[in-house]
N, C-alpha and C. Protein backbone atom coordinates (compact mmCIF):
# COMPACT_ATOMS: atom_id res chain seq x y z
N UNK A 1 23.99 22.07 -32.35
CA UNK A 1 24.03 20.77 -31.95
C UNK A 1 22.77 21.00 -30.69
N UNK A 2 21.60 21.06 -31.09
CA UNK A 2 20.22 21.08 -29.85
C UNK A 2 20.76 19.51 -29.17
N UNK A 3 20.42 21.06 -27.72
CA UNK A 3 20.40 20.12 -26.71
C UNK A 3 19.22 19.00 -26.53
N UNK A 4 19.56 18.03 -25.90
CA UNK A 4 18.08 17.64 -26.07
C UNK A 4 17.97 17.42 -23.92
N UNK A 5 16.72 17.62 -23.54
CA UNK A 5 16.31 17.77 -21.85
C UNK A 5 15.57 16.05 -21.53
N UNK A 6 15.94 16.12 -20.76
CA UNK A 6 15.11 14.89 -20.14
C UNK A 6 14.69 15.06 -19.10
N UNK A 7 12.37 14.73 -18.91
CA UNK A 7 12.16 14.32 -17.90
C UNK A 7 12.31 13.50 -17.04
N UNK A 8 12.74 13.59 -15.72
CA UNK A 8 12.96 12.60 -14.42
C UNK A 8 11.35 11.90 -14.58
N UNK A 9 11.60 10.70 -14.83
CA UNK A 9 11.10 9.82 -14.96
C UNK A 9 10.24 9.29 -13.16
N UNK A 10 11.29 9.59 -12.17
CA UNK A 10 10.96 9.27 -10.82
C UNK A 10 11.40 8.09 -10.86
N UNK A 11 11.89 7.79 -9.27
CA UNK A 11 11.92 6.30 -9.24
C UNK A 11 10.43 5.53 -9.07
N UNK A 12 10.37 4.13 -9.75
CA UNK A 12 9.38 3.23 -9.94
C UNK A 12 9.42 2.83 -8.30
N UNK A 13 10.20 2.56 -7.72
CA UNK A 13 9.97 1.91 -5.88
C UNK A 13 10.25 2.95 -5.02
N UNK A 14 9.55 3.42 -4.35
CA UNK A 14 9.55 4.22 -3.26
C UNK A 14 10.02 3.97 -2.02
N UNK A 15 10.80 5.15 -0.98
CA UNK A 15 10.50 4.49 -0.15
C UNK A 15 9.83 4.82 0.89
N UNK A 16 9.93 4.57 2.17
CA UNK A 16 8.56 5.24 2.83
C UNK A 16 9.08 6.55 3.40
N UNK A 17 9.60 7.64 3.29
CA UNK A 17 10.54 8.52 3.64
C UNK A 17 9.52 9.10 2.35
N UNK A 18 10.54 8.89 1.20
CA UNK A 18 9.44 9.46 0.10
C UNK A 18 8.27 9.57 0.10
N UNK A 19 7.65 8.65 0.31
CA UNK A 19 6.17 8.53 0.24
C UNK A 19 5.33 9.31 1.27
N UNK A 20 5.60 9.55 2.62
CA UNK A 20 5.33 10.15 3.49
C UNK A 20 5.49 11.54 3.01
N UNK A 21 6.00 12.14 2.32
CA UNK A 21 6.18 13.43 1.77
C UNK A 21 5.38 13.69 0.43
N UNK A 22 5.19 12.29 -0.43
CA UNK A 22 3.94 12.76 -1.11
C UNK A 22 2.48 12.84 -0.86
N UNK A 23 2.77 11.86 -0.09
CA UNK A 23 1.11 11.86 0.96
C UNK A 23 1.05 12.82 1.91
N UNK A 24 2.90 14.02 2.75
CA UNK A 24 1.98 15.03 3.27
C UNK A 24 1.97 14.00 4.71
N UNK A 25 3.08 13.45 4.75
CA UNK A 25 2.51 13.04 6.70
C UNK A 25 4.12 12.29 6.47
N UNK A 26 3.66 11.82 8.04
CA UNK A 26 5.35 11.36 8.33
C UNK A 26 6.07 10.32 8.35
N UNK A 27 6.56 9.53 7.66
CA UNK A 27 7.26 8.66 8.06
C UNK A 27 6.71 7.33 8.94
N UNK A 28 5.97 8.16 9.88
CA UNK A 28 5.77 7.09 11.28
C UNK A 28 4.27 6.43 10.81
N UNK A 29 3.55 8.00 10.58
CA UNK A 29 2.55 7.36 9.92
C UNK A 29 2.45 6.20 8.81
N UNK A 30 3.12 5.95 7.92
CA UNK A 30 3.00 5.27 7.23
C UNK A 30 3.36 3.65 7.46
N UNK A 31 4.38 3.94 8.34
CA UNK A 31 4.60 3.03 9.13
C UNK A 31 3.76 2.21 10.55
N UNK A 32 3.27 3.41 10.73
CA UNK A 32 2.32 2.83 11.63
C UNK A 32 0.65 2.03 10.49
N UNK A 33 0.59 2.08 9.57
CA UNK A 33 -0.14 2.11 8.43
C UNK A 33 0.74 0.44 8.22
N UNK A 34 1.57 0.30 8.14
CA UNK A 34 1.84 -1.28 8.01
C UNK A 34 2.13 -2.53 9.09
N UNK A 35 2.19 -1.69 9.78
CA UNK A 35 2.03 -2.11 10.75
C UNK A 35 0.34 -3.07 11.95
N UNK A 36 -0.55 -1.96 11.47
CA UNK A 36 -1.57 -1.97 11.56
C UNK A 36 -2.18 -3.48 11.10
N UNK A 37 -1.86 -3.44 9.84
CA UNK A 37 -2.32 -4.39 8.84
C UNK A 37 -2.11 -5.64 9.43
N UNK A 38 -0.81 -5.95 10.15
CA UNK A 38 0.56 -6.31 10.37
C UNK A 38 -1.05 -7.03 11.81
N UNK A 39 -0.81 -6.55 11.91
CA UNK A 39 -1.97 -6.94 13.59
C UNK A 39 -2.91 -7.36 13.17
N UNK A 40 -3.85 -6.48 12.86
CA UNK A 40 -4.77 -6.97 12.43
C UNK A 40 -5.20 -7.21 10.71
N UNK A 41 -4.73 -7.92 10.08
CA UNK A 41 -4.87 -8.18 8.92
C UNK A 41 -6.91 -7.53 8.46
N UNK A 42 -6.50 -6.58 6.69
CA UNK A 42 -7.70 -5.89 6.61
C UNK A 42 -7.56 -6.68 5.03
N UNK A 43 -8.76 -6.54 4.29
CA UNK A 43 -9.12 -7.25 3.50
C UNK A 43 -8.59 -6.17 1.90
N UNK A 44 -7.80 -4.80 2.01
CA UNK A 44 -7.08 -4.32 1.18
C UNK A 44 -6.23 -3.38 2.02
N UNK A 45 -4.93 -3.89 2.18
CA UNK A 45 -3.64 -3.19 3.08
C UNK A 45 -3.60 -2.40 1.80
N UNK A 46 -2.15 -1.91 2.93
CA UNK A 46 -1.51 -0.18 1.77
C UNK A 46 -0.70 -1.81 1.09
N UNK A 47 -0.42 -1.71 -0.54
CA UNK A 47 0.89 -2.70 -0.82
C UNK A 47 2.10 -1.78 -0.60
N UNK A 48 3.05 -2.60 -0.41
CA UNK A 48 4.67 -2.68 -0.36
C UNK A 48 4.95 -3.98 -0.37
N UNK A 49 6.56 -3.79 -0.75
CA UNK A 49 7.38 -4.77 -1.78
C UNK A 49 8.51 -4.72 -0.48
N UNK A 50 9.12 -5.69 -0.21
CA UNK A 50 10.56 -5.94 0.60
C UNK A 50 11.60 -6.48 -0.58
N UNK A 51 12.38 -5.55 -0.59
CA UNK A 51 13.72 -5.98 -1.21
C UNK A 51 14.90 -5.56 -0.47
N UNK A 52 15.30 -7.00 -0.17
CA UNK A 52 16.27 -7.12 0.76
C UNK A 52 16.47 -6.37 2.33
N UNK A 53 14.78 -6.26 2.52
CA UNK A 53 14.78 -6.03 3.85
C UNK A 53 14.11 -4.52 3.74
N UNK A 54 14.66 -4.14 2.71
CA UNK A 54 13.84 -2.35 2.80
C UNK A 54 12.24 -2.31 2.38
N UNK A 55 11.78 -1.69 2.60
CA UNK A 55 10.15 -1.52 2.31
C UNK A 55 10.15 -0.27 1.24
N UNK A 56 9.33 -1.05 0.51
CA UNK A 56 9.62 0.01 -0.91
C UNK A 56 7.81 -0.21 -1.74
N UNK A 57 7.24 1.28 -2.09
CA UNK A 57 6.27 1.01 -2.36
C UNK A 57 5.95 1.66 -3.69
N UNK A 58 5.09 1.12 -4.84
CA UNK A 58 5.03 1.71 -6.07
C UNK A 58 3.90 2.61 -6.06
N UNK A 59 4.16 4.04 -6.93
CA UNK A 59 3.39 4.93 -6.41
C UNK A 59 1.81 4.88 -6.95
N UNK A 60 2.15 4.43 -8.20
CA UNK A 60 0.40 3.73 -9.06
C UNK A 60 -0.47 3.40 -7.58
N UNK A 61 0.12 1.90 -7.26
CA UNK A 61 -0.90 0.93 -6.31
C UNK A 61 -1.19 1.97 -5.32
N UNK A 62 -0.30 3.15 -4.21
CA UNK A 62 -0.71 3.38 -3.30
C UNK A 62 -1.74 4.52 -4.17
N UNK A 63 -1.34 5.39 -5.37
CA UNK A 63 -2.19 5.90 -5.49
C UNK A 63 -3.55 5.48 -5.70
N UNK A 64 -4.33 4.09 -6.29
CA UNK A 64 -5.18 3.49 -6.29
C UNK A 64 -5.26 2.98 -4.86
N UNK A 65 -5.23 2.66 -3.96
CA UNK A 65 -5.42 2.51 -2.52
C UNK A 65 -5.96 3.30 -2.10
N UNK A 66 -5.10 4.97 -1.99
CA UNK A 66 -6.02 6.11 -1.80
C UNK A 66 -7.14 6.31 -1.92
N UNK A 67 -7.05 6.36 -3.14
CA UNK A 67 -8.22 6.40 -3.91
C UNK A 67 -9.38 5.92 -3.41
N UNK A 68 -9.27 4.60 -3.09
CA UNK A 68 -10.57 3.62 -2.61
C UNK A 68 -10.81 3.52 -1.50
N UNK A 69 -10.23 4.77 -0.82
CA UNK A 69 -10.57 5.33 0.73
C UNK A 69 -11.41 6.59 0.78
N UNK A 70 -11.86 7.26 -0.69
CA UNK A 70 -12.45 8.46 -0.62
C UNK A 70 -13.86 7.81 0.00
N UNK A 71 -13.93 9.62 0.29
CA UNK A 71 -15.04 9.26 0.89
C UNK A 71 -16.36 10.52 -0.11
N UNK A 72 -17.50 9.06 -0.06
CA UNK A 72 -18.76 9.58 -0.60
C UNK A 72 -19.33 10.34 -0.21
N UNK A 73 -19.90 11.53 -0.48
CA UNK A 73 -20.68 12.24 0.32
C UNK A 73 -22.16 11.86 0.06
N UNK A 74 -23.14 11.69 1.06
CA UNK A 74 -24.58 11.36 0.73
C UNK A 74 -25.19 12.29 0.05
N UNK A 75 -25.87 12.31 -0.31
CA UNK A 75 -27.37 13.71 -0.92
C UNK A 75 -28.44 13.95 0.07
N UNK A 76 -28.63 13.40 0.93
CA UNK A 76 -29.89 13.36 1.49
C UNK A 76 -30.57 14.00 1.82
N UNK A 77 -31.23 15.23 1.23
CA UNK A 77 -31.45 16.43 0.93
C UNK A 77 -30.96 17.33 1.53
N UNK A 78 -31.73 18.26 2.13
CA UNK A 78 -30.97 19.48 2.18
C UNK A 78 -31.00 20.36 3.05
N UNK A 79 -30.49 20.87 4.28
CA UNK A 79 -31.21 20.75 5.52
C UNK A 79 -31.09 22.86 5.34
C-alpha cells in the first residue's frame, strides 16, 4: 500500500507571535502597529480579528497590507 503524504496547509489564523516570525520582527512591533492605529485611526490599518479576546491575523490579508506599503522608486534622471 502506498503511503500518502500530506502537505500542512498551516493555520488560517495566525497569532501575533507567528505573524512576527513571518515578518521577521518582534511581537511587540506587531502590537505597536495595532496600538498606533487604535490611537490614530488610519485609512489602511493592519487587518486583524478578535476571537474570544485573542488577536489573530489572516496571512493573505497581511501580505496585501504589506504590499500596499511597497516603496516605489521613481526614475528621476541618472545621477
